[in-house]
Amino acid sequence: MDFISPGYITLILIVAAGIILGKIKLFGFSLDVAGVLFIALILGHFGYFVPNDFLQLGLLLFVFTIGMQAGPGFFDAFRKHGRQLVLVSFLIMASTAIVAFFLNHFLGIDPNLGVGLFAGALTSTPGLAAIIEISDSPLAPIGYGVAYPIGIIGVILLLNLLPKILRVDLKKEEENYIKSVKEDFPDVVGRTFKIDNPNIHAKTLAEIELRKITGCIATRVFHKDNAFTPSADSKIYKEDLIRLVGTEENLKKAVFLFGTPVKENIPLSKEYDIRWILVTNKKVVNKHYREISLPSYYNARVAKIKRSGVEITPSANSCFRFGDRVLVAGEKNNLTKVSRLLGNDDKKLSETDLLPVFLGILGGILLGMIQIPFFGLFTINLGNTGGALIAGLVLSKIGKTGPVIWSLSGSANQLIKQLGLLLFLATIGTQAGAELVDTIQQYGFKLIGVALILMLIPILSGVILGHYIFKINFLTLMGIITGTMTSTPGLGVIQEKSSSNAAPVAYASVYPIALVLVIIFSQLLLSFSW
């Protein structure tokens, strides 16, 4: 077996064998990426190791790309439901940490092993990464390895049983969620009006203050057998047809201005077109629509914005974001020019620019060095892990700094994140494997019992807080719980029961909060260990 002794060969073998192990399903359960950790523990027990440099590189890539992925959704959710999300996630995490603290103390479990059980029960690999930075002990990965499968299996079983135990109608919860989403993001639709208001005859769209009064956008006007894209200076006349785009609420306001909607369609002239255009030109990213002024320069109008799967009604204050798809109406020649201006290059969207990744990670490392006072009692720092996470969140929200676009395509983000996680698990697993057998012999079934309790606490506390106290939509609550526990398999269980995006949105919103909290509570558990 000497041929696998070199560290890089050990790494390759662990990752390959771990991925194969992770794909094996028994009773619908699989280890997934944790298979790499278990293979690493076994080889580590027999004396094989992966160089420690792979550990730091892996965890930095992993955590930074998590921040990049969750950033925009995190800040949007924080603005709308920030207090409630943070409070519920904080209380779930705090209750689990408090129970972990007392269990570790009264059962005489080593603090490093106990904090590993805490991270493993929450299935939080970034939490383990933070613990490794704080403590040089190999016991934390062992505790994580014991608690991790219990955390995964327990969450899957409980989430399947909870709706039945609590007698929750998931279909009704789904309907309630869809209704609430439409209140926040109303559907953007188009409707044609025949102008019968004599008071606006021969007036321009600017004079009647169309956008200010109705909130709608005029995309087409049909006047004397001629269809065209209107500008602010375009005049409209009685008996003209006008096509407006907006929410149902906005279109109701348009009735008072123009009259009753009609079923007639405005025929498209040969020169007129409507097309979706992809924003990939770095020069327009982060610029407001009013700065680009498509109506003035190209006689074209943006009717809809599609960003992260959500359709948004544009306004003058809207900004172009890298990867946006915008629906633009106008003359064909002008739309060709608009396409060139905005980029419309699918290849650029799929290209992976690694400069933002490594610049962002460098900034995260510097941020993680800052010492933060904690109520005057002691100071903590986010470390490389927390710093990289915060950097990813903030930079992805900023979007662009000079020529640098703080963005990655979904496939590129997933690839780098997965690579980082595999490097981290393979390295830390071999380090922990050397102590695995001795630790299990010392503590026995005590570790399994603690792991079971720590798996139950966040679910039970989440149900009590979210379902009975805050009356949160049950699907959203399940997303909050799985997000706080960073349990992707748990999220998959909810997705099988509902086609809505209630749970995924809550999961993505809480996930970065949970990552920060688990880092803080892990440091507190070690700092206050008796």
Protein backbone atom coordinates (compact mmCIF):
# COMPACT_ATOMS: atom_id res chain seq x y z
CA MET A 1 0.00 0.00 0.00
CA ASP A 2 3.03 2.28 -0.20
CA PHE A 3 1.82 3.69 -3.51
CA ILE A 4 -0.92 5.68 -1.73
CA SER A 5 1.45 7.12 0.89
CA PRO A 6 2.11 10.40 -0.97
CA GLY A 7 -0.44 12.93 0.27
CA TYR A 8 -1.82 13.91 -3.10
CA ILE A 9 -2.49 10.27 -4.05
CA THR A 10 -4.20 9.70 -0.69
CA LEU A 11 -6.35 12.76 -1.39
CA ILE A 12 -7.39 11.51 -4.84
CA LEU A 13 -8.19 8.04 -3.51
CA ILE A 14 -10.26 9.39 -0.60
CA VAL A 15 -12.29 11.71 -2.81
CA ALA A 16 -12.96 9.05 -5.47
CA ALA A 17 -13.87 6.30 -2.97
CA GLY A 18 -15.88 8.74 -0.83
CA ILE A 19 -17.99 9.92 -3.75
CA ILE A 20 -18.75 6.31 -4.70
CA LEU A 21 -19.69 5.49 -1.09
CA GLY A 22 -21.83 8.62 -0.84
CA LYS A 23 -23.92 7.58 -3.84
CA ILE A 24 -24.89 4.22 -2.37
CA LYS A 25 -28.49 4.31 -1.07
CA LEU A 26 -29.88 2.11 1.69
CA PHE A 27 -33.58 2.49 2.55
CA GLY A 28 -33.59 5.79 0.66
CA PHE A 29 -30.68 7.20 2.69
CA SER A 30 -27.22 8.02 1.38
CA LEU A 31 -24.15 9.64 2.94
CA ASP A 32 -23.68 11.97 -0.03
CA VAL A 33 -20.54 14.09 0.42
CA ALA A 34 -20.08 12.79 3.99
CA GLY A 35 -18.89 9.55 2.39
CA VAL A 36 -15.58 11.32 1.79
CA LEU A 37 -15.27 12.04 5.53
CA PHE A 38 -15.85 8.40 6.48
CA ILE A 39 -13.30 7.08 3.97
CA ALA A 40 -10.83 9.67 5.27
CA LEU A 41 -11.43 8.57 8.88
CA ILE A 42 -10.72 4.95 7.96
CA LEU A 43 -7.50 5.72 6.07
CA GLY A 44 -6.44 8.17 8.78
CA HIS A 45 -6.79 5.38 11.36
CA PHE A 46 -4.32 3.30 9.35
CA GLY A 47 -1.77 6.13 9.26
CA TYR A 48 -2.43 7.79 5.90
CA PHE A 49 -2.78 11.57 5.73
CA VAL A 50 -3.45 14.49 3.41
CA PRO A 51 -1.22 17.61 3.72
CA ASN A 52 -2.78 20.29 5.92
CA ASP A 53 -2.49 22.98 3.23
CA PHE A 54 -5.44 21.38 1.43
CA LEU A 55 -7.59 21.94 4.52
CA GLN A 56 -7.33 25.74 4.57
CA LEU A 57 -7.68 26.07 0.81
CA GLY A 58 -10.71 23.80 0.78
CA LEU A 59 -12.62 25.51 3.57
CA LEU A 60 -11.96 28.99 2.14
CA LEU A 61 -13.25 28.01 -1.31
CA PHE A 62 -16.25 26.26 0.20
CA VAL A 63 -17.39 29.00 2.57
CA PHE A 64 -16.74 31.93 0.21
CA THR A 65 -18.82 30.39 -2.59
CA ILE A 66 -21.65 29.75 -0.12
CA GLY A 67 -21.62 33.46 0.65
CA MET A 68 -21.56 34.37 -3.06
CA GLN A 69 -24.55 32.12 -3.71
CA ALA A 70 -26.69 33.26 -0.80
CA GLY A 71 -25.81 36.99 -0.73
CA PRO A 72 -28.55 38.66 -2.81
CA GLY A 73 -31.35 36.47 -1.43
CA PHE A 74 -30.05 36.90 2.11
CA PHE A 75 -30.20 40.69 2.10
CA ASP A 76 -33.61 40.78 0.40
CA ALA A 77 -35.05 38.36 2.95
CA PHE A 78 -33.38 40.23 5.80
CA ARG A 79 -35.06 43.49 4.77
CA LYS A 80 -38.50 41.88 4.68
CA HIS A 81 -38.41 39.31 7.47
CA GLY A 82 -35.04 39.98 9.06
CA ARG A 83 -36.03 40.24 12.70
CA GLN A 84 -38.19 37.15 12.69
CA LEU A 85 -35.71 35.05 10.72
CA VAL A 86 -32.75 36.06 12.86
CA LEU A 87 -34.71 35.63 16.09
CA VAL A 88 -36.02 32.15 15.30
CA SER A 89 -32.69 30.95 13.94
CA PHE A 90 -30.84 32.45 16.90
CA LEU A 91 -33.15 30.83 19.46
CA ILE A 92 -32.91 27.44 17.74
CA MET A 93 -29.12 27.64 17.67
CA ALA A 94 -28.88 29.03 21.22
CA SER A 95 -31.09 26.31 22.71
CA THR A 96 -29.00 23.61 21.02
CA ALA A 97 -25.74 25.19 22.21
CA ILE A 98 -27.00 25.49 25.80
CA VAL A 99 -28.07 21.84 25.88
CA ALA A 100 -24.72 20.82 24.34
CA PHE A 101 -22.85 22.80 27.00
CA PHE A 102 -24.58 21.12 29.96
CA LEU A 103 -24.51 17.63 28.44
CA ASN A 104 -20.79 17.89 27.76
CA HIS A 105 -20.15 19.14 31.29
CA PHE A 106 -22.24 16.64 33.26
CA LEU A 107 -21.22 13.64 31.13
CA GLY A 108 -17.55 14.58 31.27
CA ILE A 109 -17.09 14.85 27.50
CA ASP A 110 -13.99 16.65 26.27
CA PRO A 111 -15.00 20.17 25.09
CA ASN A 112 -13.36 19.69 21.69
CA LEU A 113 -15.24 16.44 21.19
CA GLY A 114 -18.46 18.01 22.47
CA VAL A 115 -18.34 20.97 20.09
CA GLY A 116 -17.77 18.50 17.24
CA LEU A 117 -20.97 16.70 18.32
CA PHE A 118 -22.72 20.09 18.29
CA ALA A 119 -21.64 20.83 14.70
CA GLY A 120 -22.33 17.25 13.56
CA ALA A 121 -25.86 17.16 14.97
CA LEU A 122 -26.53 20.39 13.05
CA THR A 123 -24.84 18.82 9.97
CA SER A 124 -22.81 22.04 9.71
CA THR A 125 -19.54 21.46 7.88
CA PRO A 126 -18.68 25.20 7.99
CA GLY A 127 -19.21 24.97 11.74
CA LEU A 128 -16.67 22.17 11.89
CA ALA A 129 -14.33 24.27 9.76
CA ALA A 130 -14.60 27.12 12.26
CA ILE A 131 -13.94 24.74 15.16
CA ILE A 132 -10.80 23.42 13.47
CA GLU A 133 -9.51 26.99 13.25
CA ILE A 134 -10.13 27.57 16.96
CA SER A 135 -8.82 24.25 18.26
CA ASP A 136 -5.91 22.10 17.11
CA SER A 137 -7.50 19.03 18.70
CA PRO A 138 -8.39 16.10 16.41
CA LEU A 139 -11.37 15.27 18.64
CA ALA A 140 -13.79 17.74 17.02
CA PRO A 141 -13.90 15.89 13.65
CA ILE A 142 -14.51 12.62 15.50
CA GLY A 143 -17.50 14.10 17.31
CA TYR A 144 -18.70 15.49 14.01
CA GLY A 145 -18.31 12.10 12.32
CA VAL A 146 -20.36 10.39 15.04
CA ALA A 147 -23.18 12.97 15.07
CA TYR A 148 -23.41 13.76 11.37
CA PRO A 149 -25.26 10.61 10.17
CA ILE A 150 -27.57 10.82 13.19
CA GLY A 151 -28.34 14.43 12.26
CA ILE A 152 -29.13 13.51 8.66
CA ILE A 153 -31.24 10.41 9.37
CA GLY A 154 -33.05 11.99 12.32
CA VAL A 155 -34.05 15.10 10.37
CA ILE A 156 -35.36 13.04 7.44
CA LEU A 157 -37.48 10.84 9.73
CA LEU A 158 -38.86 13.68 11.84
CA LEU A 159 -39.75 15.92 8.91
CA ASN A 160 -41.74 13.06 7.42
CA LEU A 161 -43.60 12.54 10.70
CA LEU A 162 -44.15 16.12 11.91
CA PRO A 163 -47.02 17.09 9.55
CA LYS A 164 -48.94 14.00 10.65
CA ILE A 165 -48.17 14.46 14.34
CA LEU A 166 -49.15 18.16 14.29
CA ARG A 167 -52.06 17.54 11.85
CA VAL A 168 -50.85 20.18 9.40
CA ASP A 169 -52.49 20.39 5.97
CA LEU A 170 -49.49 21.01 3.70
CA LYS A 171 -51.67 21.81 0.68
CA LYS A 172 -53.38 24.58 2.60
CA GLU A 173 -50.03 25.88 3.83
CA GLU A 174 -48.83 25.91 0.22
CA GLU A 175 -51.88 27.92 -0.91
CA ASN A 176 -51.36 30.42 1.91
CA TYR A 177 -47.72 30.82 0.97
CA ILE A 178 -48.47 31.42 -2.72
CA LYS A 179 -51.03 34.03 -1.71
CA SER A 180 -48.50 35.86 0.47
CA VAL A 181 -45.84 35.77 -2.26
CA LYS A 182 -48.20 37.36 -4.76
CA GLU A 183 -48.70 40.21 -2.29
CA ASP A 184 -44.92 40.82 -2.21
CA PHE A 185 -44.22 40.05 -5.88
CA PRO A 186 -47.44 40.50 -7.87
CA ASP A 187 -47.52 38.92 -11.32
CA VAL A 188 -46.50 41.27 -14.12
CA VAL A 189 -49.02 41.05 -16.98
CA GLY A 190 -49.84 42.92 -20.19
CA ARG A 191 -53.21 44.36 -21.18
CA THR A 192 -54.56 46.43 -24.08
CA PHE A 193 -56.71 49.53 -23.54
CA LYS A 194 -58.77 51.52 -26.01
CA ILE A 195 -58.47 55.20 -25.19
CA ASP A 196 -61.88 56.75 -24.63
CA ASN A 197 -60.94 59.56 -22.23
CA PRO A 198 -61.26 62.89 -24.14
CA ASN A 199 -59.19 64.67 -21.46
CA ILE A 200 -55.97 62.96 -22.59
CA HIS A 201 -56.58 63.33 -26.34
CA ALA A 202 -53.45 64.54 -28.20
CA LYS A 203 -51.35 64.59 -25.03
CA THR A 204 -47.94 63.00 -24.55
CA LEU A 205 -47.28 60.18 -22.10
CA ALA A 206 -45.13 62.59 -20.10
CA GLU A 207 -48.00 65.08 -19.86
CA ILE A 208 -50.48 62.51 -18.53
CA GLU A 209 -47.80 61.20 -16.08
CA LEU A 210 -48.53 57.59 -16.98
CA ARG A 211 -45.88 55.98 -14.78
CA LYS A 212 -46.55 58.21 -11.79
CA ILE A 213 -50.33 57.74 -11.87
CA THR A 214 -50.59 54.05 -12.78
CA GLY A 215 -47.16 52.49 -12.23
CA CYS A 216 -47.50 50.82 -15.67
CA ILE A 217 -45.18 50.86 -18.68
CA ALA A 218 -46.49 51.53 -22.19
CA THR A 219 -44.87 49.07 -24.59
CA ARG A 220 -46.98 49.58 -27.74
CA VAL A 221 -49.37 52.11 -29.24
CA PHE A 222 -51.58 51.52 -32.30
CA HIS A 223 -52.52 54.75 -34.09
CA LYS A 224 -54.09 54.87 -37.57
CA ASP A 225 -52.97 51.38 -38.60
CA ASN A 226 -49.47 52.00 -37.32
CA ALA A 227 -47.97 50.17 -34.32
CA PHE A 228 -44.94 51.70 -32.60
CA THR A 229 -43.00 51.78 -29.34
CA PRO A 230 -43.91 54.99 -27.53
CA SER A 231 -41.49 57.35 -25.83
CA ALA A 232 -42.25 59.95 -23.18
CA ASP A 233 -42.87 62.48 -25.99
CA SER A 234 -45.25 60.25 -27.95
CA LYS A 235 -48.77 61.63 -28.29
CA ILE A 236 -51.84 59.45 -27.84
CA TYR A 237 -55.29 60.08 -29.26
CA LYS A 238 -58.84 59.05 -28.55
CA GLU A 239 -59.66 55.64 -30.14
CA ASP A 240 -55.96 54.63 -30.09
CA LEU A 241 -54.99 51.26 -28.64
CA ILE A 242 -52.28 51.20 -25.97
CA ARG A 243 -50.55 48.16 -24.51
CA LEU A 244 -49.59 48.45 -20.84
CA VAL A 245 -47.47 46.16 -18.66
CA GLY A 246 -47.81 46.13 -14.87
CA THR A 247 -49.32 44.38 -11.87
CA GLU A 248 -53.07 43.80 -11.57
CA GLU A 249 -53.23 46.62 -9.04
CA ASN A 250 -51.47 49.01 -11.43
CA LEU A 251 -53.66 47.99 -14.37
CA LYS A 252 -56.78 48.74 -12.32
CA LYS A 253 -55.52 52.33 -11.97
CA ALA A 254 -55.09 52.52 -15.74
CA VAL A 255 -58.83 51.91 -16.20
CA PHE A 256 -59.56 55.33 -14.68
CA LEU A 257 -57.09 56.98 -17.05
CA PHE A 258 -57.86 55.24 -20.35
CA GLY A 259 -61.07 53.26 -20.00
CA THR A 260 -62.06 49.60 -20.00
CA PRO A 261 -59.50 47.03 -21.28
CA VAL A 262 -60.25 45.36 -24.61
CA LYS A 263 -59.42 41.93 -26.02
CA GLU A 264 -57.96 43.34 -29.21
CA ASN A 265 -54.26 42.71 -29.80
CA ILE A 266 -52.04 45.36 -31.26
CA PRO A 267 -50.58 43.88 -34.44
CA LEU A 268 -46.81 43.94 -34.63
CA SER A 269 -45.38 45.84 -37.55
CA LYS A 270 -42.50 44.32 -39.47
CA GLU A 271 -40.14 46.76 -37.78
CA TYR A 272 -41.39 46.00 -34.24
CA ASP A 273 -40.19 43.22 -31.95
CA ILE A 274 -40.17 42.05 -28.33
CA ARG A 275 -37.27 39.96 -27.06
CA TRP A 276 -35.52 38.80 -23.91
CA ILE A 277 -31.98 40.16 -23.62
CA LEU A 278 -29.31 38.86 -21.23
CA VAL A 279 -27.27 41.43 -19.27
CA THR A 280 -23.60 40.41 -19.58
CA ASN A 281 -21.84 43.70 -20.41
CA LYS A 282 -19.77 44.73 -17.37
CA LYS A 283 -20.06 48.40 -18.36
CA VAL A 284 -23.81 48.54 -17.68
CA VAL A 285 -23.82 46.37 -14.53
CA ASN A 286 -24.97 48.34 -11.44
CA LYS A 287 -26.11 51.30 -13.59
CA HIS A 288 -29.63 52.62 -13.13
CA TYR A 289 -32.09 52.35 -16.00
CA ARG A 290 -32.34 56.14 -16.09
CA GLU A 291 -28.58 56.36 -16.73
CA ILE A 292 -28.80 54.09 -19.77
CA SER A 293 -32.07 55.72 -20.91
CA LEU A 294 -33.14 53.18 -23.50
CA PRO A 295 -36.33 55.12 -24.41
CA SER A 296 -34.36 58.28 -25.26
CA TYR A 297 -31.48 56.73 -27.19
CA TYR A 298 -33.07 53.62 -28.72
CA ASN A 299 -36.82 54.23 -28.47
CA ALA A 300 -37.01 50.93 -26.58
CA ARG A 301 -38.56 50.06 -23.25
CA VAL A 302 -37.82 47.41 -20.64
CA ALA A 303 -41.14 45.72 -19.84
CA LYS A 304 -40.00 43.05 -17.38
CA ILE A 305 -36.94 41.98 -15.43
CA LYS A 306 -36.35 38.32 -14.61
CA ARG A 307 -33.87 37.96 -11.77
CA SER A 308 -33.24 34.72 -9.86
CA GLY A 309 -36.51 33.30 -11.16
CA VAL A 310 -38.60 36.29 -10.00
CA GLU A 311 -40.25 38.73 -12.41
CA ILE A 312 -39.89 42.37 -11.38
CA THR A 313 -41.59 45.47 -12.72
CA PRO A 314 -38.81 47.89 -13.78
CA SER A 315 -38.56 51.49 -12.65
CA ALA A 316 -36.15 54.36 -13.28
CA ASN A 317 -34.32 53.38 -10.09
CA SER A 318 -33.89 49.75 -11.15
CA CYS A 319 -30.29 48.62 -11.69
CA PHE A 320 -28.90 46.26 -14.29
CA ARG A 321 -27.42 43.19 -12.61
CA PHE A 322 -25.09 40.68 -14.23
CA GLY A 323 -27.18 37.73 -15.37
CA ASP A 324 -30.52 39.62 -15.49
CA ARG A 325 -32.88 38.81 -18.34
CA VAL A 326 -34.84 41.85 -19.46
CA LEU A 327 -37.82 41.88 -21.80
CA VAL A 328 -37.31 44.81 -24.20
CA ALA A 329 -39.83 46.15 -26.73
CA GLY A 330 -38.92 48.32 -29.69
CA GLU A 331 -37.97 48.42 -33.37
CA LYS A 332 -35.88 45.49 -34.56
CA ASN A 333 -32.92 47.63 -35.61
CA ASN A 334 -32.88 49.36 -32.25
CA LEU A 335 -33.23 46.09 -30.32
CA THR A 336 -30.14 44.80 -32.08
CA LYS A 337 -28.27 47.85 -30.76
CA VAL A 338 -29.74 47.31 -27.27
CA SER A 339 -28.58 43.67 -27.37
CA ARG A 340 -25.04 44.82 -28.14
CA LEU A 341 -25.23 47.41 -25.36
CA LEU A 342 -26.43 44.96 -22.69
CA GLY A 343 -24.20 42.11 -23.88
CA ASN A 344 -26.64 39.24 -24.47
CA ASP A 345 -23.75 36.78 -24.47
CA ASP A 346 -24.58 33.37 -22.98
CA LYS A 347 -20.91 32.39 -23.14
CA LYS A 348 -19.93 35.17 -20.75
CA LEU A 349 -22.53 33.95 -18.29
CA SER A 350 -21.04 30.46 -18.36
CA GLU A 351 -17.40 31.61 -18.20
CA THR A 352 -15.67 31.36 -14.83
CA ASP A 353 -13.56 34.36 -13.82
CA LEU A 354 -11.50 33.26 -10.81
CA LEU A 355 -10.19 36.74 -10.00
CA PRO A 356 -13.28 37.71 -7.92
CA VAL A 357 -12.99 34.41 -6.01
CA PHE A 358 -9.41 34.88 -4.87
CA LEU A 359 -9.69 38.64 -4.31
CA GLY A 360 -12.82 38.04 -2.24
CA ILE A 361 -11.17 35.28 -0.20
CA LEU A 362 -8.18 37.56 0.48
CA GLY A 363 -10.53 40.26 1.73
CA GLY A 364 -12.32 37.68 3.86
CA ILE A 365 -9.05 36.56 5.49
CA LEU A 366 -8.25 40.17 6.42
CA LEU A 367 -11.79 40.68 7.74
CA GLY A 368 -11.53 37.52 9.83
CA MET A 369 -8.48 38.90 11.66
CA ILE A 370 -10.45 41.77 13.21
CA GLN A 371 -10.99 41.26 16.94
CA ILE A 372 -14.59 41.89 18.02
CA PRO A 373 -15.28 42.67 21.72
CA PHE A 374 -18.09 40.61 23.24
CA PHE A 375 -19.83 42.68 25.93
CA GLY A 376 -16.44 43.51 27.42
CA LEU A 377 -15.97 39.92 28.58
CA PHE A 378 -13.71 38.67 25.82
CA THR A 379 -13.00 39.20 22.15
CA ILE A 380 -13.78 36.92 19.25
CA ASN A 381 -12.91 37.00 15.58
CA LEU A 382 -14.68 35.44 12.64
CA GLY A 383 -11.50 33.71 11.52
CA ASN A 384 -10.84 32.75 7.94
CA THR A 385 -14.15 30.89 7.71
CA GLY A 386 -16.43 33.63 9.02
CA GLY A 387 -14.50 36.34 7.20
CA ALA A 388 -14.78 34.52 3.87
CA LEU A 389 -18.50 33.97 4.42
CA ILE A 390 -19.21 37.64 5.20
CA ALA A 391 -17.03 38.75 2.27
CA GLY A 392 -18.97 36.47 -0.09
CA LEU A 393 -22.33 37.75 1.19
CA VAL A 394 -21.41 41.44 0.93
CA LEU A 395 -19.52 41.30 -2.37
CA SER A 396 -22.24 39.31 -4.15
CA LYS A 397 -24.71 41.97 -3.05
CA ILE A 398 -22.48 44.81 -4.26
CA GLY A 399 -22.29 43.11 -7.65
CA LYS A 400 -19.46 45.13 -9.18
CA THR A 401 -16.40 47.12 -8.12
CA GLY A 402 -14.66 48.82 -11.03
CA PRO A 403 -13.96 46.15 -13.66
CA VAL A 404 -14.48 43.27 -11.18
CA ILE A 405 -17.87 41.50 -11.27
CA TRP A 406 -18.58 39.80 -7.94
CA SER A 407 -20.59 37.03 -9.49
CA LEU A 408 -20.31 33.39 -10.50
CA SER A 409 -22.58 31.31 -12.69
CA GLY A 410 -24.58 28.66 -10.87
CA SER A 411 -22.53 25.82 -12.33
CA ALA A 412 -19.20 27.49 -11.55
CA ASN A 413 -20.26 28.25 -7.99
CA GLN A 414 -21.38 24.68 -7.46
CA LEU A 415 -18.14 23.24 -8.86
CA ILE A 416 -15.83 25.43 -6.74
CA LYS A 417 -17.96 24.90 -3.63
CA GLN A 418 -17.95 21.13 -4.08
CA LEU A 419 -14.20 21.06 -4.73
CA GLY A 420 -13.49 23.08 -1.61
CA LEU A 421 -15.70 20.86 0.53
CA LEU A 422 -14.05 17.66 -0.76
CA LEU A 423 -10.55 19.01 -0.05
CA PHE A 424 -11.56 20.03 3.45
CA LEU A 425 -13.30 16.77 4.39
CA ALA A 426 -10.50 14.58 3.02
CA THR A 427 -7.83 16.45 4.97
CA ILE A 428 -9.62 16.80 8.29
CA GLY A 429 -10.86 13.22 8.12
CA THR A 430 -7.36 11.72 7.95
CA GLN A 431 -6.27 13.88 10.90
CA ALA A 432 -9.22 12.73 12.98
CA GLY A 433 -8.94 9.09 11.96
CA ALA A 434 -5.78 8.60 14.03
CA GLU A 435 -7.77 9.27 17.24
CA LEU A 436 -11.05 7.62 16.19
CA VAL A 437 -10.84 4.19 17.85
CA ASP A 438 -9.38 5.44 21.14
CA THR A 439 -12.12 8.08 21.47
CA ILE A 440 -14.97 5.65 20.82
CA GLN A 441 -13.50 3.17 23.30
CA GLN A 442 -13.29 5.91 25.93
CA TYR A 443 -16.82 7.32 25.56
CA GLY A 444 -18.80 4.44 24.01
CA PHE A 445 -22.54 4.92 23.43
CA LYS A 446 -22.48 8.17 25.40
CA LEU A 447 -21.59 10.02 22.19
CA ILE A 448 -24.52 8.55 20.28
CA GLY A 449 -26.94 9.56 23.04
CA VAL A 450 -25.67 13.14 23.07
CA ALA A 451 -25.85 13.30 19.27
CA LEU A 452 -29.50 12.12 19.32
CA ILE A 453 -30.48 14.77 21.87
CA LEU A 454 -28.67 17.54 19.99
CA MET A 455 -30.41 16.49 16.77
CA LEU A 456 -33.85 16.67 18.44
CA ILE A 457 -33.42 20.03 20.18
CA PRO A 458 -33.32 22.34 17.10
CA ILE A 459 -36.35 20.61 15.54
CA LEU A 460 -38.45 20.69 18.72
CA SER A 461 -37.46 24.25 19.61
CA GLY A 462 -38.13 25.34 16.03
CA VAL A 463 -41.63 23.83 16.07
CA ILE A 464 -42.47 25.39 19.44
CA LEU A 465 -41.21 28.82 18.40
CA GLY A 466 -42.32 28.91 14.79
CA HIS A 467 -45.54 26.90 14.82
CA TYR A 468 -47.04 27.75 18.18
CA ILE A 469 -45.59 31.15 19.09
CA PHE A 470 -44.84 33.02 15.82
CA LYS A 471 -47.49 31.18 13.72
CA ILE A 472 -45.12 30.90 10.74
CA ASN A 473 -46.28 29.12 7.60
CA PHE A 474 -45.37 25.47 8.21
CA LEU A 475 -43.52 25.02 4.90
CA THR A 476 -41.53 28.18 5.59
CA LEU A 477 -40.85 26.96 9.12
CA MET A 478 -39.48 23.66 7.82
CA GLY A 479 -37.18 25.69 5.56
CA ILE A 480 -36.03 27.72 8.56
CA ILE A 481 -35.30 24.59 10.61
CA THR A 482 -33.44 22.80 7.80
CA GLY A 483 -31.58 26.03 6.98
CA THR A 484 -30.51 26.51 10.59
CA MET A 485 -29.37 22.88 10.65
CA THR A 486 -27.82 23.33 7.15
CA SER A 487 -29.57 20.08 6.22
CA THR A 488 -29.92 19.79 2.45
CA PRO A 489 -31.41 16.26 2.71
CA GLY A 490 -34.03 17.68 5.07
CA LEU A 491 -34.88 20.34 2.51
CA GLY A 492 -35.27 17.57 -0.07
CA VAL A 493 -37.91 15.91 2.12
CA ILE A 494 -39.99 19.10 2.17
CA GLN A 495 -39.59 19.55 -1.59
CA GLU A 496 -41.06 16.11 -2.15
CA LYS A 497 -44.16 17.16 -0.22
CA SER A 498 -44.66 20.60 -1.83
CA SER A 499 -43.94 22.08 -5.25
CA SER A 500 -43.82 25.64 -3.88
CA ASN A 501 -40.54 27.42 -3.15
CA ALA A 502 -41.58 28.27 0.43
CA ALA A 503 -39.01 25.97 2.07
CA PRO A 504 -36.11 26.70 -0.35
CA VAL A 505 -36.52 30.47 0.04
CA ALA A 506 -36.54 30.20 3.84
CA TYR A 507 -33.63 27.75 3.73
CA ALA A 508 -31.52 30.09 1.57
CA SER A 509 -32.43 33.07 3.75
CA VAL A 510 -31.54 31.40 7.06
CA TYR A 511 -28.54 29.41 5.86
CA PRO A 512 -25.98 32.27 5.93
CA ILE A 513 -27.38 33.45 9.28
CA ALA A 514 -26.95 29.93 10.63
CA LEU A 515 -23.37 29.74 9.36
CA VAL A 516 -22.43 32.89 11.24
CA LEU A 517 -24.29 31.76 14.38
CA VAL A 518 -22.74 28.30 14.46
CA ILE A 519 -19.28 29.87 14.23
CA ILE A 520 -20.06 32.21 17.13
CA PHE A 521 -21.66 29.53 19.32
CA SER A 522 -18.83 27.08 18.60
CA GLN A 523 -16.35 29.67 19.87
CA LEU A 524 -18.53 30.31 22.91
CA LEU A 525 -18.78 26.60 23.73
CA LEU A 526 -15.00 26.30 23.73
CA SER A 527 -14.45 29.60 25.55
CA PHE A 528 -16.85 28.70 28.41
CA SER A 529 -15.88 25.03 28.72
CA TRP A 530 -15.36 24.00 32.33
